[in-house]
PDB file of N, CA and C in Angstrom:
ATOM      1  N   MET A   1      82.030  53.769 -76.001  1.00  0.00           N
ATOM      2  CA  MET A   1      82.999  53.751 -77.085  1.00  0.00           C
ATOM      3  C   MET A   1      82.756  52.500 -77.916  1.00  0.00           C
ATOM      4  N   ILE A   2      82.699  52.657 -79.216  1.00  0.00           N
ATOM      5  CA  ILE A   2      82.471  51.549 -80.133  1.00  0.00           C
ATOM      6  C   ILE A   2      83.645  51.435 -81.099  1.00  0.00           C
ATOM      7  N   PHE A   3      84.190  50.232 -81.222  1.00  0.00           N
ATOM      8  CA  PHE A   3      85.260  49.973 -82.174  1.00  0.00           C
ATOM      9  C   PHE A   3      84.656  49.726 -83.550  1.00  0.00           C
ATOM     10  N   ARG A   4      85.366  50.107 -84.557  1.00  0.00           N
ATOM     11  CA  ARG A   4      85.001  49.698 -85.904  1.00  0.00           C
ATOM     12  C   ARG A   4      85.486  48.263 -86.098  1.00  0.00           C
ATOM     13  N   PRO A   5      84.773  47.472 -86.886  1.00  0.00           N
ATOM     14  CA  PRO A   5      85.233  46.101 -87.135  1.00  0.00           C
ATOM     15  C   PRO A   5      86.638  46.112 -87.748  1.00  0.00           C
ATOM     16  N   GLY A   6      87.435  45.114 -87.388  1.00  0.00           N
ATOM     17  CA  GLY A   6      88.778  45.011 -87.936  1.00  0.00           C
ATOM     18  C   GLY A   6      89.760  44.495 -86.915  1.00  0.00           C
ATOM     19  N   ARG A   7      91.019  44.660 -87.238  1.00  0.00           N
ATOM     20  CA  ARG A   7      92.116  44.196 -86.379  1.00  0.00           C
ATOM     21  C   ARG A   7      92.836  45.402 -85.797  1.00  0.00           C
ATOM     22  N   TYR A   8      93.129  45.316 -84.503  1.00  0.00           N
ATOM     23  CA  TYR A   8      93.854  46.362 -83.791  1.00  0.00           C
ATOM     24  C   TYR A   8      95.074  45.714 -83.145  1.00  0.00           C
ATOM     25  N   ASP A   9      96.253  46.266 -83.390  1.00  0.00           N
ATOM     26  CA  ASP A   9      97.495  45.744 -82.819  1.00  0.00           C
ATOM     27  C   ASP A   9      98.003  46.701 -81.748  1.00  0.00           C
ATOM     28  N   PHE A  10      98.418  46.135 -80.612  1.00  0.00           N
ATOM     29  CA  PHE A  10      98.960  46.919 -79.511  1.00  0.00           C
ATOM     30  C   PHE A  10     100.375  46.436 -79.207  1.00  0.00           C
ATOM     31  N   TRP A  11     101.282  47.392 -79.006  1.00  0.00           N
ATOM     32  CA  TRP A  11     102.699  47.119 -78.774  1.00  0.00           C
ATOM     33  C   TRP A  11     103.141  47.743 -77.446  1.00  0.00           C
ATOM     34  N   PRO A  12     104.087  47.133 -76.736  1.00  0.00           N
ATOM     35  CA  PRO A  12     104.561  47.691 -75.467  1.00  0.00           C
ATOM     36  C   PRO A  12     105.091  49.119 -75.600  1.00  0.00           C
ATOM     37  N   GLU A  13     105.714  49.423 -76.713  1.00  0.00           N
ATOM     38  CA  GLU A  13     106.315  50.749 -76.889  1.00  0.00           C
ATOM     39  C   GLU A  13     105.277  51.872 -76.880  1.00  0.00           C
ATOM     40  N   GLN A  14     104.045  51.569 -77.231  1.00  0.00           N
ATOM     41  CA  GLN A  14     102.995  52.583 -77.237  1.00  0.00           C
ATOM     42  C   GLN A  14     102.068  52.487 -76.023  1.00  0.00           C
ATOM     43  N   SER A  15     102.410  51.657 -75.061  1.00  0.00           N
ATOM     44  CA  SER A  15     101.538  51.457 -73.907  1.00  0.00           C
ATOM     45  C   SER A  15     101.898  52.409 -72.769  1.00  0.00           C
ATOM     46  N   THR A  16     100.997  52.466 -71.803  1.00  0.00           N
ATOM     47  CA  THR A  16     101.245  53.215 -70.571  1.00  0.00           C
ATOM     48  C   THR A  16     101.987  52.304 -69.615  1.00  0.00           C
ATOM     49  N   ARG A  17     103.059  52.796 -69.024  1.00  0.00           N
ATOM     50  CA  ARG A  17     103.840  52.005 -68.069  1.00  0.00           C
ATOM     51  C   ARG A  17     103.505  52.480 -66.654  1.00  0.00           C
ATOM     52  N   LYS A  18     103.033  51.538 -65.824  1.00  0.00           N
ATOM     53  CA  LYS A  18     102.667  51.876 -64.453  1.00  0.00           C
ATOM     54  C   LYS A  18     103.021  50.718 -63.536  1.00  0.00           C
ATOM     55  N   TYR A  19     103.328  51.060 -62.297  1.00  0.00           N
ATOM     56  CA  TYR A  19     103.565  50.041 -61.284  1.00  0.00           C
ATOM     57  C   TYR A  19     102.214  49.670 -60.675  1.00  0.00           C
ATOM     58  N   TYR A  20     101.845  48.407 -60.790  1.00  0.00           N
ATOM     59  CA  TYR A  20     100.631  47.896 -60.174  1.00  0.00           C
ATOM     60  C   TYR A  20     100.954  46.593 -59.466  1.00  0.00           C
ATOM     61  N   PHE A  21     100.411  46.440 -58.271  1.00  0.00           N
ATOM     62  CA  PHE A  21     100.465  45.153 -57.594  1.00  0.00           C
ATOM     63  C   PHE A  21      99.211  44.396 -57.990  1.00  0.00           C
ATOM     64  N   GLU A  22      99.387  43.199 -58.475  1.00  0.00           N
ATOM     65  CA  GLU A  22      98.252  42.362 -58.870  1.00  0.00           C
ATOM     66  C   GLU A  22      98.078  41.265 -57.842  1.00  0.00           C
ATOM     67  N   SER A  23      96.869  41.069 -57.409  1.00  0.00           N
ATOM     68  CA  SER A  23      96.612  40.118 -56.331  1.00  0.00           C
ATOM     69  C   SER A  23      96.809  38.666 -56.746  1.00  0.00           C
ATOM     70  N   ASN A  24      96.825  38.370 -58.039  1.00  0.00           N
ATOM     71  CA  ASN A  24      96.952  36.977 -58.476  1.00  0.00           C
ATOM     72  C   ASN A  24      98.373  36.619 -58.898  1.00  0.00           C
ATOM     73  N   THR A  25      99.372  37.417 -58.506  1.00  0.00           N
ATOM     74  CA  THR A  25     100.747  37.129 -58.882  1.00  0.00           C
ATOM     75  C   THR A  25     101.711  37.731 -57.858  1.00  0.00           C
ATOM     76  N   THR A  26     102.939  37.255 -57.871  1.00  0.00           N
ATOM     77  CA  THR A  26     103.977  37.854 -57.027  1.00  0.00           C
ATOM     78  C   THR A  26     104.850  38.803 -57.831  1.00  0.00           C
ATOM     79  N   ASN A  27     104.540  38.983 -59.096  1.00  0.00           N
ATOM     80  CA  ASN A  27     105.298  39.876 -59.965  1.00  0.00           C
ATOM     81  C   ASN A  27     105.008  41.324 -59.565  1.00  0.00           C
ATOM     82  N   ASP A  28     106.038  42.039 -59.112  1.00  0.00           N
ATOM     83  CA  ASP A  28     105.836  43.419 -58.675  1.00  0.00           C
ATOM     84  C   ASP A  28     106.577  44.428 -59.561  1.00  0.00           C
ATOM     85  N   SER A  29     106.678  44.115 -60.830  1.00  0.00           N
ATOM     86  CA  SER A  29     107.388  44.995 -61.756  1.00  0.00           C
ATOM     87  C   SER A  29     106.424  45.984 -62.412  1.00  0.00           C
ATOM     88  N   VAL A  30     106.983  46.864 -63.202  1.00  0.00           N
ATOM     89  CA  VAL A  30     106.180  47.809 -63.971  1.00  0.00           C
ATOM     90  C   VAL A  30     105.344  47.023 -64.974  1.00  0.00           C
ATOM     91  N   LYS A  31     104.091  47.404 -65.102  1.00  0.00           N
ATOM     92  CA  LYS A  31     103.185  46.749 -66.045  1.00  0.00           C
ATOM     93  C   LYS A  31     103.037  47.616 -67.294  1.00  0.00           C
ATOM     94  N   TYR A  32     102.871  46.964 -68.417  1.00  0.00           N
ATOM     95  CA  TYR A  32     102.605  47.642 -69.678  1.00  0.00           C
ATOM     96  C   TYR A  32     101.107  47.563 -69.925  1.00  0.00           C
ATOM     97  N   CYS A  33     100.436  48.682 -69.805  1.00  0.00           N
ATOM     98  CA  CYS A  33      98.980  48.746 -69.877  1.00  0.00           C
ATOM     99  C   CYS A  33      98.565  49.229 -71.262  1.00  0.00           C
ATOM    100  N   ALA A  34      98.035  48.318 -72.059  1.00  0.00           N
ATOM    101  CA  ALA A  34      97.619  48.683 -73.414  1.00  0.00           C
ATOM    102  C   ALA A  34      96.459  49.666 -73.385  1.00  0.00           C
ATOM    103  N   THR A  35      95.484  49.410 -72.521  1.00  0.00           N
ATOM    104  CA  THR A  35      94.339  50.303 -72.374  1.00  0.00           C
ATOM    105  C   THR A  35      94.145  50.565 -70.891  1.00  0.00           C
ATOM    106  N   LEU A  36      94.457  51.782 -70.463  1.00  0.00           N
ATOM    107  CA  LEU A  36      94.322  52.165 -69.056  1.00  0.00           C
ATOM    108  C   LEU A  36      93.026  52.952 -68.889  1.00  0.00           C
ATOM    109  N   ILE A  37      92.149  52.407 -68.072  1.00  0.00           N
ATOM    110  CA  ILE A  37      90.887  53.073 -67.743  1.00  0.00           C
ATOM    111  C   ILE A  37      91.010  53.499 -66.293  1.00  0.00           C
ATOM    112  N   LYS A  38      91.185  54.788 -66.070  1.00  0.00           N
ATOM    113  CA  LYS A  38      91.453  55.285 -64.723  1.00  0.00           C
ATOM    114  C   LYS A  38      90.478  56.412 -64.376  1.00  0.00           C
ATOM    115  N   GLU A  39      89.876  56.266 -63.194  1.00  0.00           N
ATOM    116  CA  GLU A  39      88.954  57.267 -62.660  1.00  0.00           C
ATOM    117  C   GLU A  39      87.835  57.598 -63.649  1.00  0.00           C
ATOM    118  N   ILE A  40      87.231  56.531 -64.184  1.00  0.00           N
ATOM    119  CA  ILE A  40      86.125  56.656 -65.143  1.00  0.00           C
ATOM    120  C   ILE A  40      84.912  55.952 -64.541  1.00  0.00           C
ATOM    121  N   SER A  41      83.748  56.475 -64.807  1.00  0.00           N
ATOM    122  CA  SER A  41      82.513  55.851 -64.352  1.00  0.00           C
ATOM    123  C   SER A  41      81.539  55.766 -65.518  1.00  0.00           C
ATOM    124  N   GLY A  42      80.868  54.611 -65.626  1.00  0.00           N
ATOM    125  CA  GLY A  42      79.823  54.452 -66.623  1.00  0.00           C
ATOM    126  C   GLY A  42      80.330  54.350 -68.050  1.00  0.00           C
ATOM    127  N   LEU A  43      81.329  53.511 -68.292  1.00  0.00           N
ATOM    128  CA  LEU A  43      81.907  53.357 -69.631  1.00  0.00           C
ATOM    129  C   LEU A  43      81.593  51.966 -70.174  1.00  0.00           C
ATOM    130  N   THR A  44      81.176  51.914 -71.436  1.00  0.00           N
ATOM    131  CA  THR A  44      81.007  50.647 -72.135  1.00  0.00           C
ATOM    132  C   THR A  44      81.887  50.658 -73.369  1.00  0.00           C
ATOM    133  N   LEU A  45      82.758  49.657 -73.477  1.00  0.00           N
ATOM    134  CA  LEU A  45      83.571  49.458 -74.677  1.00  0.00           C
ATOM    135  C   LEU A  45      82.958  48.294 -75.441  1.00  0.00           C
ATOM    136  N   ASP A  46      82.474  48.560 -76.626  1.00  0.00           N
ATOM    137  CA  ASP A  46      81.867  47.527 -77.459  1.00  0.00           C
ATOM    138  C   ASP A  46      82.775  47.289 -78.656  1.00  0.00           C
ATOM    139  N   GLY A  47      83.408  46.115 -78.675  1.00  0.00           N
ATOM    140  CA  GLY A  47      84.363  45.804 -79.734  1.00  0.00           C
ATOM    141  C   GLY A  47      83.727  45.447 -81.058  1.00  0.00           C
ATOM    142  N   ARG A  48      82.435  45.179 -81.070  1.00  0.00           N
ATOM    143  CA  ARG A  48      81.740  44.797 -82.294  1.00  0.00           C
ATOM    144  C   ARG A  48      82.515  43.717 -83.039  1.00  0.00           C
ATOM    145  N   SER A  49      82.997  42.747 -82.272  1.00  0.00           N
ATOM    146  CA  SER A  49      83.777  41.604 -82.779  1.00  0.00           C
ATOM    147  C   SER A  49      85.133  41.999 -83.356  1.00  0.00           C
ATOM    148  N   ALA A  50      85.685  43.109 -82.925  1.00  0.00           N
ATOM    149  CA  ALA A  50      87.032  43.506 -83.347  1.00  0.00           C
ATOM    150  C   ALA A  50      88.043  42.492 -82.823  1.00  0.00           C
ATOM    151  N   ASP A  51      89.118  42.308 -83.559  1.00  0.00           N
ATOM    152  CA  ASP A  51      90.225  41.450 -83.139  1.00  0.00           C
ATOM    153  C   ASP A  51      91.321  42.334 -82.568  1.00  0.00           C
ATOM    154  N   ILE A  52      91.656  42.106 -81.308  1.00  0.00           N
ATOM    155  CA  ILE A  52      92.704  42.862 -80.630  1.00  0.00           C
ATOM    156  C   ILE A  52      93.899  41.935 -80.476  1.00  0.00           C
ATOM    157  N   ILE A  53      95.024  42.312 -81.076  1.00  0.00           N
ATOM    158  CA  ILE A  53      96.233  41.481 -81.037  1.00  0.00           C
ATOM    159  C   ILE A  53      97.301  42.232 -80.247  1.00  0.00           C
ATOM    160  N   TYR A  54      97.849  41.553 -79.245  1.00  0.00           N
ATOM    161  CA  TYR A  54      98.893  42.135 -78.399  1.00  0.00           C
ATOM    162  C   TYR A  54     100.235  41.533 -78.767  1.00  0.00           C
ATOM    163  N   HIS A  55     101.248  42.363 -78.704  1.00  0.00           N
ATOM    164  CA  HIS A  55     102.618  41.974 -79.024  1.00  0.00           C
ATOM    165  C   HIS A  55     103.448  42.160 -77.759  1.00  0.00           C
ATOM    166  N   GLY A  56     103.911  41.055 -77.189  1.00  0.00           N
ATOM    167  CA  GLY A  56     104.706  41.140 -75.968  1.00  0.00           C
ATOM    168  C   GLY A  56     103.840  41.056 -74.727  1.00  0.00           C
ATOM    169  N   ARG A  57     104.462  41.362 -73.595  1.00  0.00           N
ATOM    170  CA  ARG A  57     103.784  41.264 -72.298  1.00  0.00           C
ATOM    171  C   ARG A  57     103.005  42.548 -72.018  1.00  0.00           C
ATOM    172  N   LEU A  58     101.755  42.513 -72.368  1.00  0.00           N
ATOM    173  CA  LEU A  58     100.860  43.643 -72.159  1.00  0.00           C
ATOM    174  C   LEU A  58      99.649  43.212 -71.349  1.00  0.00           C
ATOM    175  N   GLN A  59      99.168  44.086 -70.491  1.00  0.00           N
ATOM    176  CA  GLN A  59      97.876  43.882 -69.853  1.00  0.00           C
ATOM    177  C   GLN A  59      96.838  44.452 -70.803  1.00  0.00           C
ATOM    178  N   PRO A  60      95.912  43.658 -71.277  1.00  0.00           N
ATOM    179  CA  PRO A  60      94.939  44.179 -72.245  1.00  0.00           C
ATOM    180  C   PRO A  60      94.144  45.368 -71.722  1.00  0.00           C
ATOM    181  N   PHE A  61      93.509  45.215 -70.568  1.00  0.00           N
ATOM    182  CA  PHE A  61      92.719  46.295 -69.990  1.00  0.00           C
ATOM    183  C   PHE A  61      93.092  46.420 -68.524  1.00  0.00           C
ATOM    184  N   THR A  62      93.476  47.604 -68.114  1.00  0.00           N
ATOM    185  CA  THR A  62      93.779  47.886 -66.720  1.00  0.00           C
ATOM    186  C   THR A  62      92.722  48.874 -66.243  1.00  0.00           C
ATOM    187  N   ILE A  63      91.955  48.476 -65.243  1.00  0.00           N
ATOM    188  CA  ILE A  63      90.885  49.321 -64.727  1.00  0.00           C
ATOM    189  C   ILE A  63      91.266  49.735 -63.316  1.00  0.00           C
ATOM    190  N   ASP A  64      91.432  51.039 -63.111  1.00  0.00           N
ATOM    191  CA  ASP A  64      91.943  51.590 -61.857  1.00  0.00           C
ATOM    192  C   ASP A  64      90.987  52.678 -61.354  1.00  0.00           C
ATOM    193  N   SER A  65      90.534  52.527 -60.122  1.00  0.00           N
ATOM    194  CA  SER A  65      89.683  53.542 -59.476  1.00  0.00           C
ATOM    195  C   SER A  65      88.497  53.928 -60.357  1.00  0.00           C
ATOM    196  N   SER A  66      87.893  52.935 -60.967  1.00  0.00           N
ATOM    197  CA  SER A  66      86.759  53.162 -61.863  1.00  0.00           C
ATOM    198  C   SER A  66      85.600  52.273 -61.431  1.00  0.00           C
ATOM    199  N   ARG A  67      84.424  52.582 -61.968  1.00  0.00           N
ATOM    200  CA  ARG A  67      83.269  51.754 -61.650  1.00  0.00           C
ATOM    201  C   ARG A  67      82.299  51.749 -62.825  1.00  0.00           C
ATOM    202  N   ASP A  68      81.458  50.728 -62.839  1.00  0.00           N
ATOM    203  CA  ASP A  68      80.448  50.564 -63.880  1.00  0.00           C
ATOM    204  C   ASP A  68      81.094  50.543 -65.267  1.00  0.00           C
ATOM    205  N   ILE A  69      82.092  49.655 -65.430  1.00  0.00           N
ATOM    206  CA  ILE A  69      82.814  49.495 -66.693  1.00  0.00           C
ATOM    207  C   ILE A  69      82.375  48.180 -67.338  1.00  0.00           C
ATOM    208  N   THR A  70      82.003  48.232 -68.605  1.00  0.00           N
ATOM    209  CA  THR A  70      81.608  47.043 -69.355  1.00  0.00           C
ATOM    210  C   THR A  70      82.489  46.944 -70.593  1.00  0.00           C
ATOM    211  N   ILE A  71      83.085  45.767 -70.792  1.00  0.00           N
ATOM    212  CA  ILE A  71      83.880  45.487 -71.999  1.00  0.00           C
ATOM    213  C   ILE A  71      83.248  44.266 -72.652  1.00  0.00           C
ATOM    214  N   LYS A  72      82.804  44.423 -73.899  1.00  0.00           N
ATOM    215  CA  LYS A  72      82.087  43.316 -74.535  1.00  0.00           C
ATOM    216  C   LYS A  72      82.401  43.214 -76.020  1.00  0.00           C
ATOM    217  N   ASN A  73      82.155  42.018 -76.554  1.00  0.00           N
ATOM    218  CA  ASN A  73      82.292  41.749 -77.992  1.00  0.00           C
ATOM    219  C   ASN A  73      83.692  42.014 -78.540  1.00  0.00           C
ATOM    220  N   ILE A  74      84.715  41.663 -77.766  1.00  0.00           N
ATOM    221  CA  ILE A  74      86.096  41.860 -78.196  1.00  0.00           C
ATOM    222  C   ILE A  74      86.807  40.517 -78.167  1.00  0.00           C
ATOM    223  N   ARG A  75      87.526  40.211 -79.242  1.00  0.00           N
ATOM    224  CA  ARG A  75      88.349  38.993 -79.296  1.00  0.00           C
ATOM    225  C   ARG A  75      89.791  39.406 -79.033  1.00  0.00           C
ATOM    226  N   ILE A  76      90.392  38.790 -78.022  1.00  0.00           N
ATOM    227  CA  ILE A  76      91.753  39.132 -77.599  1.00  0.00           C
ATOM    228  C   ILE A  76      92.673  37.957 -77.875  1.00  0.00           C
ATOM    229  N   ASP A  77      93.868  38.274 -78.422  1.00  0.00           N
ATOM    230  CA  ASP A  77      94.871  37.244 -78.666  1.00  0.00           C
ATOM    231  C   ASP A  77      96.247  37.901 -78.668  1.00  0.00           C
ATOM    232  N   TRP A  78      97.288  37.082 -78.641  1.00  0.00           N
ATOM    233  CA  TRP A  78      98.665  37.556 -78.731  1.00  0.00           C
ATOM    234  C   TRP A  78      99.280  37.015 -80.010  1.00  0.00           C
ATOM    235  N   ASP A  79     100.194  37.795 -80.591  1.00  0.00           N
ATOM    236  CA  ASP A  79     100.859  37.336 -81.814  1.00  0.00           C
ATOM    237  C   ASP A  79     101.694  36.094 -81.534  1.00  0.00           C
ATOM    238  N   ILE A  80     102.328  36.041 -80.367  1.00  0.00           N
ATOM    239  CA  ILE A  80     103.088  34.876 -79.900  1.00  0.00           C
ATOM    240  C   ILE A  80     102.561  34.562 -78.500  1.00  0.00           C
ATOM    241  N   PRO A  81     102.158  33.326 -78.240  1.00  0.00           N
ATOM    242  CA  PRO A  81     101.661  33.007 -76.893  1.00  0.00           C
ATOM    243  C   PRO A  81     102.688  33.391 -75.819  1.00  0.00           C
ATOM    244  N   LEU A  82     102.207  33.918 -74.699  1.00  0.00           N
ATOM    245  CA  LEU A  82     103.108  34.379 -73.640  1.00  0.00           C
ATOM    246  C   LEU A  82     103.999  33.281 -73.099  1.00  0.00           C
ATOM    247  N   THR A  83     103.587  32.034 -73.232  1.00  0.00           N
ATOM    248  CA  THR A  83     104.423  30.937 -72.770  1.00  0.00           C
ATOM    249  C   THR A  83     105.667  30.762 -73.630  1.00  0.00           C
ATOM    250  N   GLU A  84     105.683  31.373 -74.798  1.00  0.00           N
ATOM    251  CA  GLU A  84     106.831  31.251 -75.705  1.00  0.00           C
ATOM    252  C   GLU A  84     107.752  32.471 -75.675  1.00  0.00           C
ATOM    253  N   ILE A  85     107.397  33.500 -74.888  1.00  0.00           N
ATOM    254  CA  ILE A  85     108.197  34.712 -74.806  1.00  0.00           C
ATOM    255  C   ILE A  85     109.244  34.524 -73.730  1.00  0.00           C
ATOM    256  N   ASP A  86     110.479  34.869 -74.034  1.00  0.00           N
ATOM    257  CA  ASP A  86     111.543  34.773 -73.037  1.00  0.00           C
ATOM    258  C   ASP A  86     111.278  35.751 -71.928  1.00  0.00           C
ATOM    259  N   THR A  87     111.563  35.346 -70.681  1.00  0.00           N
ATOM    260  CA  THR A  87     111.361  36.235 -69.541  1.00  0.00           C
ATOM    261  C   THR A  87     112.671  36.776 -69.045  1.00  0.00           C
TER     262      THR A  87
END
Protein backbone atom coordinates (compact mmCIF):
# COMPACT_ATOMS: atom_id res chain seq x y z
CA MET A 1 0.00 0.00 0.00
CA ILE A 2 1.37 3.40 -0.98
CA PHE A 3 0.15 6.71 0.42
CA ARG A 4 -0.11 9.75 -1.77
CA PRO A 5 2.00 12.66 -0.50
CA GLY A 6 0.12 14.97 1.85
CA ARG A 7 -1.41 15.19 5.29
CA TYR A 8 -3.69 12.55 6.80
CA ASP A 9 -5.66 13.24 10.00
CA PHE A 10 -6.94 10.45 12.25
CA TRP A 11 -9.58 10.93 14.96
CA PRO A 12 -10.73 8.58 17.77
CA GLU A 13 -14.31 8.68 16.51
CA GLN A 14 -13.30 6.98 13.26
CA SER A 15 -10.93 4.45 14.83
CA THR A 16 -11.37 0.79 15.68
CA ARG A 17 -11.94 0.23 19.39
CA LYS A 18 -10.41 -2.96 20.80
CA TYR A 19 -9.24 -4.26 24.14
CA TYR A 20 -5.50 -4.96 24.01
CA PHE A 21 -3.06 -5.65 26.79
CA GLU A 22 0.21 -3.89 26.06
CA SER A 23 3.34 -5.27 27.62
CA ASN A 24 4.91 -1.83 28.19
CA THR A 25 2.06 -0.40 30.30
CA THR A 26 -0.40 -1.24 33.07
CA ASN A 27 -3.22 0.47 31.18
CA ASP A 28 -5.83 -2.22 30.47
CA SER A 29 -8.53 -0.08 28.87
CA VAL A 30 -9.99 -0.15 25.39
CA LYS A 31 -7.51 1.12 22.82
CA TYR A 32 -8.33 3.37 19.89
CA CYS A 33 -6.57 1.83 16.91
CA ALA A 34 -6.17 4.26 14.02
CA THR A 35 -4.81 1.57 11.71
CA LEU A 36 -5.51 -2.05 12.67
CA ILE A 37 -3.50 -4.64 10.78
CA LYS A 38 -4.91 -8.01 11.76
CA GLU A 39 -4.17 -11.46 10.36
CA ILE A 40 -2.18 -10.05 7.43
CA SER A 41 1.06 -11.39 5.99
CA GLY A 42 3.53 -9.70 3.67
CA LEU A 43 2.31 -6.08 3.82
CA THR A 44 4.38 -2.97 3.17
CA LEU A 45 2.97 0.47 3.94
CA ASP A 46 5.03 3.15 2.23
CA GLY A 47 4.07 6.64 3.38
CA ARG A 48 6.18 8.38 0.74
CA SER A 49 6.86 11.05 3.38
CA ALA A 50 3.16 11.54 4.16
CA ASP A 51 2.37 13.43 7.36
CA ILE A 52 0.07 11.48 9.67
CA ILE A 53 -1.53 13.62 12.39
CA TYR A 54 -3.40 12.01 15.28
CA HIS A 55 -6.02 13.76 17.38
CA GLY A 56 -6.40 12.40 20.90
CA ARG A 57 -5.21 9.12 22.37
CA LEU A 58 -4.77 6.87 19.38
CA GLN A 59 -2.44 3.97 18.69
CA PRO A 60 -0.98 4.81 15.28
CA PHE A 61 -0.50 1.23 14.09
CA THR A 62 -1.78 -1.87 15.85
CA ILE A 63 -0.40 -5.11 14.43
CA ASP A 64 -2.22 -8.24 15.61
CA SER A 65 -1.57 -11.85 14.56
CA SER A 66 0.34 -10.66 11.51
CA ARG A 67 3.81 -11.20 10.12
CA ASP A 68 6.24 -9.69 7.64
CA ILE A 69 4.83 -6.15 8.06
CA THR A 70 6.92 -3.14 7.00
CA ILE A 71 5.94 0.48 7.71
CA LYS A 72 8.27 3.06 6.20
CA ASN A 73 8.62 6.69 5.13
CA ILE A 74 5.83 7.99 7.38
CA ARG A 75 6.04 11.05 9.64
CA ILE A 76 3.83 10.69 12.72
CA ASP A 77 2.76 13.49 15.05
CA TRP A 78 -0.14 14.56 17.27
CA ASP A 79 -2.06 17.82 17.00
CA ILE A 80 -1.60 18.26 20.78
CA PRO A 81 1.20 16.38 22.56
CA LEU A 82 -0.21 13.53 24.67
CA THR A 83 1.38 15.02 27.76
CA GLU A 84 -1.03 17.95 27.43
CA ILE A 85 -4.22 15.88 27.07
CA ASP A 86 -6.32 15.48 30.19
CA THR A 87 -6.61 11.88 31.36
